C-alpha atoms as a PDB file:
ATOM      1  CA  MET A   1     100.159   3.259 148.600  1.00  0.00           C
ATOM      2  CA  ASP A   2     101.317   6.742 149.616  1.00  0.00           C
ATOM      3  CA  THR A   3     104.855   7.354 150.808  1.00  0.00           C
ATOM      4  CA  PRO A   4     105.361   8.900 154.242  1.00  0.00           C
ATOM      5  CA  PRO A   5     105.435  12.597 155.028  1.00  0.00           C
ATOM      6  CA  ALA A   6     108.412  13.987 156.911  1.00  0.00           C
ATOM      7  CA  SER A   7     107.953  13.329 160.612  1.00  0.00           C
ATOM      8  CA  ALA A   8     109.941  14.589 163.578  1.00  0.00           C
ATOM      9  CA  THR A   9     109.350  11.557 165.823  1.00  0.00           C
ATOM     10  CA  PRO A  10     107.880   8.410 164.296  1.00  0.00           C
ATOM     11  CA  PRO A  11     105.474   6.359 166.419  1.00  0.00           C
ATOM     12  CA  ALA A  12     106.641   3.310 168.347  1.00  0.00           C
ATOM     13  CA  PHE A  13     106.725  -0.077 166.650  1.00  0.00           C
ATOM     14  CA  ASP A  14     105.513  -2.972 168.837  1.00  0.00           C
ATOM     15  CA  ALA A  15     106.765  -6.068 167.000  1.00  0.00           C
ATOM     16  CA  GLN A  16     105.186  -8.493 169.468  1.00  0.00           C
ATOM     17  CA  ALA A  17     101.719  -6.946 169.166  1.00  0.00           C
ATOM     18  CA  LEU A  18     102.013  -6.876 165.376  1.00  0.00           C
ATOM     19  CA  ALA A  19     103.052 -10.537 165.323  1.00  0.00           C
ATOM     20  CA  GLY A  20      99.845 -11.415 167.147  1.00  0.00           C
ATOM     21  CA  LEU A  21      97.785  -9.310 164.754  1.00  0.00           C
ATOM     22  CA  LEU A  22      99.459 -10.954 161.751  1.00  0.00           C
ATOM     23  CA  LYS A  23      98.373 -14.328 163.074  1.00  0.00           C
ATOM     24  CA  ASP A  24      94.835 -13.405 164.112  1.00  0.00           C
ATOM     25  CA  ALA A  25      93.858 -10.474 161.874  1.00  0.00           C
ATOM     26  CA  PRO A  26      96.284 -10.043 158.967  1.00  0.00           C
ATOM     27  CA  GLU A  27      94.264  -7.297 157.262  1.00  0.00           C
ATOM     28  CA  GLN A  28      94.208  -5.281 160.483  1.00  0.00           C
ATOM     29  CA  ALA A  29      97.946  -5.874 160.911  1.00  0.00           C
ATOM     30  CA  PHE A  30      98.555  -4.615 157.383  1.00  0.00           C
ATOM     31  CA  ALA A  31      96.534  -1.468 158.090  1.00  0.00           C
ATOM     32  CA  GLU A  32      98.496  -0.815 161.293  1.00  0.00           C
ATOM     33  CA  VAL A  33     101.874  -1.421 159.622  1.00  0.00           C
ATOM     34  CA  ALA A  34     100.865   0.877 156.751  1.00  0.00           C
ATOM     35  CA  ARG A  35      99.865   3.589 159.242  1.00  0.00           C
ATOM     36  CA  LEU A  36     103.197   3.310 161.052  1.00  0.00           C
ATOM     37  CA  ALA A  37     105.139   3.248 157.782  1.00  0.00           C
ATOM     38  CA  ARG A  38     103.428   6.407 156.518  1.00  0.00           C
ATOM     39  CA  ALA A  39     104.165   8.044 159.880  1.00  0.00           C
ATOM     40  CA  GLY A  40     107.883   7.437 159.351  1.00  0.00           C
ATOM     41  CA  THR A  41     108.614   4.300 161.390  1.00  0.00           C
ATOM     42  CA  VAL A  42     111.460   2.740 159.415  1.00  0.00           C
ATOM     43  CA  ALA A  43     110.977  -0.831 160.698  1.00  0.00           C
ATOM     44  CA  ALA A  44     107.330  -0.604 159.636  1.00  0.00           C
ATOM     45  CA  GLN A  45     108.366   0.628 156.183  1.00  0.00           C
ATOM     46  CA  THR A  46     110.490  -2.476 155.694  1.00  0.00           C
ATOM     47  CA  LEU A  47     107.794  -4.766 157.092  1.00  0.00           C
ATOM     48  CA  LEU A  48     105.158  -3.136 154.884  1.00  0.00           C
ATOM     49  CA  ALA A  49     107.315  -3.823 151.835  1.00  0.00           C
ATOM     50  CA  GLN A  50     107.686  -7.464 152.864  1.00  0.00           C
ATOM     51  CA  MET A  51     103.938  -7.819 153.426  1.00  0.00           C
ATOM     52  CA  LEU A  52     103.338  -6.374 149.948  1.00  0.00           C
ATOM     53  CA  VAL A  53     105.831  -8.807 148.388  1.00  0.00           C
ATOM     54  CA  GLU A  54     104.217 -11.784 150.123  1.00  0.00           C
ATOM     55  CA  GLY A  55     100.593 -10.650 149.968  1.00  0.00           C
ATOM     56  CA  ARG A  56     100.187 -10.910 153.763  1.00  0.00           C
ATOM     57  CA  GLY A  57      97.095  -9.036 154.909  1.00  0.00           C
ATOM     58  CA  THR A  58      96.693  -7.468 151.472  1.00  0.00           C
ATOM     59  CA  ALA A  59      96.899  -8.273 147.796  1.00  0.00           C
ATOM     60  CA  ARG A  60     100.413  -9.022 146.549  1.00  0.00           C
ATOM     61  CA  ASP A  61     101.946  -5.860 145.045  1.00  0.00           C
ATOM     62  CA  PRO A  62     105.673  -6.205 144.269  1.00  0.00           C
ATOM     63  CA  GLU A  63     105.850  -2.781 142.605  1.00  0.00           C
ATOM     64  CA  ALA A  64     104.580  -1.033 145.753  1.00  0.00           C
ATOM     65  CA  ALA A  65     106.955  -3.189 147.800  1.00  0.00           C
ATOM     66  CA  VAL A  66     109.933  -1.874 145.839  1.00  0.00           C
ATOM     67  CA  LEU A  67     108.811   1.695 146.568  1.00  0.00           C
ATOM     68  CA  TRP A  68     108.573   0.990 150.307  1.00  0.00           C
ATOM     69  CA  TYR A  69     111.917  -0.826 150.354  1.00  0.00           C
ATOM     70  CA  GLN A  70     113.345   2.283 148.674  1.00  0.00           C
ATOM     71  CA  VAL A  71     111.844   4.547 151.362  1.00  0.00           C
ATOM     72  CA  ALA A  72     113.193   2.375 154.185  1.00  0.00           C
ATOM     73  CA  ALA A  73     116.581   1.985 152.485  1.00  0.00           C
ATOM     74  CA  ASN A  74     116.855   5.747 152.072  1.00  0.00           C
ATOM     75  CA  ASN A  75     116.095   5.994 155.797  1.00  0.00           C
ATOM     76  CA  GLY A  76     119.119   3.802 156.530  1.00  0.00           C
ATOM     77  CA  ASP A  77     117.571   0.345 156.994  1.00  0.00           C
ATOM     78  CA  ALA A  78     120.173  -2.273 155.990  1.00  0.00           C
ATOM     79  CA  LEU A  79     117.578  -5.041 155.603  1.00  0.00           C
ATOM     80  CA  ALA A  80     115.591  -2.866 153.201  1.00  0.00           C
ATOM     81  CA  MET A  81     118.786  -2.112 151.256  1.00  0.00           C
ATOM     82  CA  ASN A  82     119.479  -5.832 150.961  1.00  0.00           C
ATOM     83  CA  MET A  83     115.917  -6.618 149.905  1.00  0.00           C
ATOM     84  CA  LEU A  84     115.962  -3.783 147.386  1.00  0.00           C
ATOM     85  CA  GLY A  85     119.119  -5.326 145.935  1.00  0.00           C
ATOM     86  CA  ARG A  86     117.334  -8.654 145.730  1.00  0.00           C
ATOM     87  CA  CYS A  87     114.354  -7.088 143.957  1.00  0.00           C
ATOM     88  CA  HIS A  88     116.682  -5.550 141.381  1.00  0.00           C
ATOM     89  CA  GLU A  89     118.649  -8.786 141.030  1.00  0.00           C
ATOM     90  CA  LEU A  90     115.578 -10.966 140.470  1.00  0.00           C
ATOM     91  CA  GLY A  91     113.347  -8.460 138.708  1.00  0.00           C
ATOM     92  CA  GLU A  92     110.762  -8.622 141.506  1.00  0.00           C
ATOM     93  CA  GLY A  93     108.516  -5.563 141.221  1.00  0.00           C
ATOM     94  CA  THR A  94     111.030  -3.817 138.982  1.00  0.00           C
ATOM     95  CA  PRO A  95     113.007  -4.719 135.873  1.00  0.00           C
ATOM     96  CA  ALA A  96     116.085  -6.817 136.641  1.00  0.00           C
ATOM     97  CA  ASN A  97     119.149  -4.608 136.937  1.00  0.00           C
ATOM     98  CA  PRO A  98     122.273  -6.412 138.205  1.00  0.00           C
ATOM     99  CA  ALA A  99     124.307  -3.193 138.420  1.00  0.00           C
ATOM    100  CA  LEU A 100     121.698  -1.503 140.621  1.00  0.00           C
ATOM    101  CA  ALA A 101     121.333  -4.696 142.670  1.00  0.00           C
ATOM    102  CA  ALA A 102     125.072  -4.594 143.353  1.00  0.00           C
ATOM    103  CA  VAL A 103     124.834  -0.963 144.492  1.00  0.00           C
ATOM    104  CA  TRP A 104     122.159  -1.827 147.046  1.00  0.00           C
ATOM    105  CA  TYR A 105     123.925  -4.979 148.217  1.00  0.00           C
ATOM    106  CA  ARG A 106     127.099  -2.964 148.845  1.00  0.00           C
ATOM    107  CA  ARG A 107     125.168  -0.301 150.766  1.00  0.00           C
ATOM    108  CA  ALA A 108     123.583  -2.972 152.948  1.00  0.00           C
END
């Protein structure tokens, strides 16, 4: 999954509409979240990572999830920082690295 290009103003994120799509059409929801994430919407970047970890609307891909958590964390998302720490702590999608996990937990 490609990482986002630089964007001046990311598109709006409608959590309620996406929640409905996740329930009724998870593959369509994944496509929409991926579009928003690539366009620079930070909340969508974190949600995309979570969907990749869980395999919601797409095949499970923990390695891609770590990349998207990294993008969102570097964009200042505390939840993504925490989840990135968890990935490094547990070795989910990346080799376990307690020192790096601690760095991300502290940043969160």
